[in-house]
Amino acid sequence: MVGKSKKRPGSRPYKNFSNDTLVQAVQDCKNGLSYRKVAEKYGISKSTLQRKIVKKHCQPVGRPTVLSEDDEHNLREGIISA
């Protein structure tokens, strides 16, 4: 039986906002509000807003796939029809 882990008191909260809130915050920044004002309004850190607007970490994690989406689809269809 696997035990449940508990957060330690005083530990850092990770992503305590929804994706909709983040999208609204990014739109407010693009409309001219400062990062600091938007961060205070929505409760999102300034660095998170800056990364999302500059799109610094938008690439997928890990190695690229061996087969393209089309090749994988054709292989799947060939296996199913066989």
N, C-alpha and C. Protein backbone atom coordinates (compact mmCIF):
# COMPACT_ATOMS: atom_id res chain seq x y z
N MET A 1 0.84 -1.17 0.00
CA MET A 1 0.00 0.00 0.00
C MET A 1 0.89 1.24 0.00
N VAL A 2 0.57 2.18 -0.86
CA VAL A 2 1.38 3.38 -1.01
C VAL A 2 0.86 4.45 -0.06
N GLY A 3 1.75 5.07 0.66
CA GLY A 3 1.36 6.14 1.58
C GLY A 3 1.15 7.45 0.84
N LYS A 4 0.36 8.31 1.42
CA LYS A 4 0.12 9.62 0.82
C LYS A 4 1.12 10.62 1.38
N SER A 5 1.72 11.37 0.48
CA SER A 5 2.68 12.37 0.95
C SER A 5 1.93 13.64 1.34
N LYS A 6 2.45 14.32 2.33
CA LYS A 6 1.85 15.56 2.81
C LYS A 6 2.85 16.68 2.61
N LYS A 7 2.33 17.86 2.31
CA LYS A 7 3.20 19.02 2.18
C LYS A 7 3.70 19.44 3.55
N ARG A 8 4.93 19.84 3.57
CA ARG A 8 5.50 20.33 4.81
C ARG A 8 4.97 21.74 5.08
N PRO A 9 4.76 22.08 6.33
CA PRO A 9 4.32 23.44 6.64
C PRO A 9 5.38 24.45 6.20
N GLY A 10 4.94 25.51 5.56
CA GLY A 10 5.85 26.54 5.09
C GLY A 10 6.48 26.25 3.75
N SER A 11 6.08 25.15 3.09
CA SER A 11 6.65 24.84 1.78
C SER A 11 6.05 25.76 0.72
N ARG A 12 6.74 25.86 -0.38
CA ARG A 12 6.35 26.76 -1.45
C ARG A 12 5.10 26.24 -2.16
N PRO A 13 4.09 27.10 -2.39
CA PRO A 13 2.92 26.66 -3.14
C PRO A 13 3.21 26.68 -4.65
N TYR A 14 2.86 25.64 -5.33
CA TYR A 14 3.07 25.56 -6.77
C TYR A 14 1.73 25.70 -7.49
N LYS A 15 1.68 26.58 -8.47
CA LYS A 15 0.53 26.78 -9.35
C LYS A 15 -0.79 26.76 -8.59
N ASN A 16 -1.02 27.82 -7.85
CA ASN A 16 -2.28 27.94 -7.13
C ASN A 16 -3.24 28.85 -7.89
N PHE A 17 -3.26 28.70 -9.24
CA PHE A 17 -4.17 29.46 -10.09
C PHE A 17 -4.60 28.56 -11.24
N SER A 18 -5.71 28.91 -11.86
CA SER A 18 -6.22 28.10 -12.97
C SER A 18 -5.63 28.60 -14.29
N ASN A 19 -5.77 27.80 -15.33
CA ASN A 19 -5.29 28.20 -16.65
C ASN A 19 -6.06 29.39 -17.19
N ASP A 20 -7.37 29.47 -16.89
CA ASP A 20 -8.17 30.61 -17.33
C ASP A 20 -7.66 31.90 -16.71
N THR A 21 -7.30 31.83 -15.43
CA THR A 21 -6.76 33.01 -14.75
C THR A 21 -5.45 33.43 -15.39
N LEU A 22 -4.62 32.47 -15.75
CA LEU A 22 -3.34 32.78 -16.37
C LEU A 22 -3.54 33.44 -17.74
N VAL A 23 -4.50 32.94 -18.51
CA VAL A 23 -4.78 33.52 -19.83
C VAL A 23 -5.27 34.96 -19.68
N GLN A 24 -6.15 35.20 -18.71
CA GLN A 24 -6.64 36.56 -18.47
C GLN A 24 -5.50 37.48 -18.04
N ALA A 25 -4.61 36.99 -17.20
CA ALA A 25 -3.48 37.79 -16.73
C ALA A 25 -2.55 38.15 -17.89
N VAL A 26 -2.29 37.20 -18.77
CA VAL A 26 -1.42 37.46 -19.93
C VAL A 26 -2.08 38.50 -20.84
N GLN A 27 -3.39 38.41 -21.03
CA GLN A 27 -4.09 39.40 -21.85
C GLN A 27 -3.99 40.79 -21.24
N ASP A 28 -4.13 40.89 -19.92
CA ASP A 28 -4.00 42.19 -19.26
C ASP A 28 -2.61 42.77 -19.46
N CYS A 29 -1.58 41.93 -19.39
CA CYS A 29 -0.21 42.41 -19.62
C CYS A 29 -0.04 42.89 -21.05
N LYS A 30 -0.60 42.15 -21.99
CA LYS A 30 -0.49 42.55 -23.40
C LYS A 30 -1.28 43.81 -23.69
N ASN A 31 -2.31 44.09 -22.89
CA ASN A 31 -3.12 45.30 -23.07
C ASN A 31 -2.50 46.52 -22.39
N GLY A 32 -1.35 46.37 -21.74
CA GLY A 32 -0.65 47.53 -21.23
C GLY A 32 -0.48 47.62 -19.73
N LEU A 33 -1.08 46.75 -18.96
CA LEU A 33 -0.87 46.78 -17.51
C LEU A 33 0.52 46.24 -17.19
N SER A 34 1.09 46.71 -16.10
CA SER A 34 2.44 46.26 -15.72
C SER A 34 2.38 44.85 -15.15
N TYR A 35 3.54 44.19 -15.21
CA TYR A 35 3.63 42.83 -14.65
C TYR A 35 3.29 42.84 -13.16
N ARG A 36 3.76 43.85 -12.45
CA ARG A 36 3.56 43.91 -11.01
C ARG A 36 2.09 44.05 -10.66
N LYS A 37 1.37 44.93 -11.37
CA LYS A 37 -0.05 45.13 -11.09
C LYS A 37 -0.87 43.88 -11.41
N VAL A 38 -0.55 43.25 -12.52
CA VAL A 38 -1.27 42.03 -12.91
C VAL A 38 -0.96 40.90 -11.93
N ALA A 39 0.29 40.82 -11.50
CA ALA A 39 0.68 39.77 -10.54
C ALA A 39 -0.07 39.94 -9.23
N GLU A 40 -0.21 41.16 -8.76
CA GLU A 40 -0.95 41.40 -7.52
C GLU A 40 -2.44 41.13 -7.71
N LYS A 41 -2.97 41.48 -8.87
CA LYS A 41 -4.41 41.32 -9.14
C LYS A 41 -4.81 39.84 -9.17
N TYR A 42 -4.01 39.01 -9.84
CA TYR A 42 -4.38 37.61 -10.04
C TYR A 42 -3.66 36.64 -9.11
N GLY A 43 -2.67 37.10 -8.37
CA GLY A 43 -1.95 36.22 -7.46
C GLY A 43 -0.98 35.29 -8.17
N ILE A 44 -0.42 35.75 -9.28
CA ILE A 44 0.55 34.97 -10.06
C ILE A 44 1.88 35.71 -9.99
N SER A 45 2.98 34.99 -9.91
CA SER A 45 4.27 35.65 -9.80
C SER A 45 4.63 36.39 -11.09
N LYS A 46 5.43 37.45 -10.94
CA LYS A 46 5.84 38.24 -12.10
C LYS A 46 6.66 37.41 -13.07
N SER A 47 7.52 36.57 -12.53
CA SER A 47 8.38 35.78 -13.41
C SER A 47 7.57 34.79 -14.24
N THR A 48 6.49 34.25 -13.67
CA THR A 48 5.62 33.34 -14.43
C THR A 48 4.96 34.10 -15.57
N LEU A 49 4.49 35.30 -15.31
CA LEU A 49 3.87 36.11 -16.36
C LEU A 49 4.87 36.42 -17.47
N GLN A 50 6.08 36.80 -17.08
CA GLN A 50 7.09 37.13 -18.08
C GLN A 50 7.43 35.92 -18.94
N ARG A 51 7.57 34.74 -18.32
CA ARG A 51 7.87 33.53 -19.10
C ARG A 51 6.75 33.20 -20.07
N LYS A 52 5.49 33.36 -19.64
CA LYS A 52 4.37 33.03 -20.51
C LYS A 52 4.26 34.00 -21.67
N ILE A 53 4.57 35.28 -21.44
CA ILE A 53 4.46 36.26 -22.51
C ILE A 53 5.61 36.11 -23.51
N VAL A 54 6.82 35.87 -23.02
CA VAL A 54 7.98 35.71 -23.89
C VAL A 54 8.00 34.31 -24.50
N LYS A 55 7.23 33.38 -23.93
CA LYS A 55 7.15 31.98 -24.36
C LYS A 55 8.52 31.32 -24.28
N LYS A 56 9.15 31.48 -23.12
CA LYS A 56 10.50 30.96 -22.93
C LYS A 56 10.54 29.44 -22.84
N HIS A 57 9.58 28.84 -22.15
CA HIS A 57 9.58 27.38 -21.96
C HIS A 57 8.36 26.78 -22.66
N CYS A 58 8.28 26.90 -23.96
CA CYS A 58 7.10 26.39 -24.65
C CYS A 58 7.38 25.13 -25.48
N GLN A 59 8.63 24.67 -25.49
CA GLN A 59 8.94 23.47 -26.26
C GLN A 59 8.62 22.23 -25.44
N PRO A 60 8.25 21.13 -26.09
CA PRO A 60 7.95 19.91 -25.35
C PRO A 60 9.21 19.35 -24.68
N VAL A 61 9.00 18.67 -23.58
CA VAL A 61 10.11 18.10 -22.82
C VAL A 61 10.44 16.73 -23.37
N GLY A 62 11.71 16.39 -23.45
CA GLY A 62 12.13 15.07 -23.88
C GLY A 62 12.64 15.04 -25.30
N ARG A 63 12.97 13.84 -25.72
CA ARG A 63 13.49 13.65 -27.07
C ARG A 63 12.38 13.74 -28.10
N PRO A 64 12.74 14.10 -29.34
CA PRO A 64 11.74 14.08 -30.40
C PRO A 64 11.34 12.65 -30.74
N THR A 65 10.15 12.47 -31.25
CA THR A 65 9.66 11.14 -31.59
C THR A 65 10.36 10.63 -32.85
N VAL A 66 10.42 9.32 -32.99
CA VAL A 66 11.07 8.71 -34.15
C VAL A 66 10.17 8.84 -35.37
N LEU A 67 8.89 8.58 -35.19
CA LEU A 67 7.93 8.65 -36.29
C LEU A 67 7.16 9.95 -36.23
N SER A 68 6.82 10.48 -37.41
CA SER A 68 5.97 11.66 -37.44
C SER A 68 4.53 11.25 -37.15
N GLU A 69 3.66 12.22 -36.96
CA GLU A 69 2.25 11.92 -36.68
C GLU A 69 1.62 11.14 -37.84
N ASP A 70 1.95 11.54 -39.08
CA ASP A 70 1.38 10.85 -40.24
C ASP A 70 1.88 9.40 -40.33
N ASP A 71 3.18 9.20 -40.12
CA ASP A 71 3.73 7.83 -40.16
C ASP A 71 3.10 6.96 -39.08
N GLU A 72 2.93 7.52 -37.90
CA GLU A 72 2.33 6.76 -36.80
C GLU A 72 0.88 6.41 -37.12
N HIS A 73 0.15 7.36 -37.71
CA HIS A 73 -1.25 7.10 -38.08
C HIS A 73 -1.33 6.00 -39.14
N ASN A 74 -0.46 6.07 -40.16
CA ASN A 74 -0.46 5.05 -41.21
C ASN A 74 -0.10 3.67 -40.65
N LEU A 75 0.87 3.61 -39.75
CA LEU A 75 1.25 2.36 -39.13
C LEU A 75 0.09 1.79 -38.31
N ARG A 76 -0.58 2.65 -37.56
CA ARG A 76 -1.72 2.21 -36.75
C ARG A 76 -2.84 1.66 -37.63
N GLU A 77 -3.14 2.36 -38.71
CA GLU A 77 -4.19 1.91 -39.62
C GLU A 77 -3.81 0.58 -40.28
N GLY A 78 -2.53 0.42 -40.63
CA GLY A 78 -2.08 -0.83 -41.23
C GLY A 78 -2.18 -2.00 -40.27
N ILE A 79 -1.88 -1.77 -39.01
CA ILE A 79 -1.97 -2.83 -38.01
C ILE A 79 -3.43 -3.19 -37.75
N ILE A 80 -4.29 -2.20 -37.67
CA ILE A 80 -5.71 -2.46 -37.40
C ILE A 80 -6.36 -3.21 -38.56
N SER A 81 -6.02 -2.84 -39.81
CA SER A 81 -6.66 -3.48 -40.96
C SER A 81 -6.10 -4.88 -41.23
N ALA A 82 -4.94 -5.20 -40.72
CA ALA A 82 -4.33 -6.52 -40.97
C ALA A 82 -4.98 -7.61 -40.17
